[in-house]
Amino acid sequence: MTAPTAPAPAPAPAPAPATATTEQVHTALQDVYDPCSQSWQRPMSLVDLGLIREVSLAPDGRATVRISLTAPFCMAVPTIMQSIEQKVGAVDGVSDVTVELDGGTLWRPELMTDKGRELLADARADDRRMLPLTPVPGPGPS
């Protein structure tokens, strides 16, 4: 006769799903770059360009990011939306990402963050140093 065995321990409860915060989503958005700024070798995030209009999170982890564009007919919209979906979707606790376009907010430089304005000013200063500018003679006496 064999000795009775102790019952197997109950499995550990599954960990509670992580809860994402809007701060985490904003941090993830810092890594979403405007494709046009990258093509001009001046990579700027959507945050620094001032294109993020609103971030909201539902209790079930669904994130909604509302953005505006630098130009109404931006050809890079699909790339931007896909990048937002990937970066925000990687945040622990985010279950789904919806990107909405805000057609009512026209982009202007004042929407940029201080960091964004600084990055742009630095890039422009670098361009001026690299360009061989020569004075153009003004109209002479006739």
Foldseek 3Di string as FASTA:
>chain_A
DDDDDDDDDDDDDDDDFDADDVVQLVVLQQPQWDVVCVVVVLTGGQQQQLFWDDWDADRQQEIETEGEDQDLPDPCVVVSQVSSQVSNVPTGRHDGYHYHYDDPDHGDNVSGDPVSVVSVVVVVVVVVVPDPDDDDDDDDDD
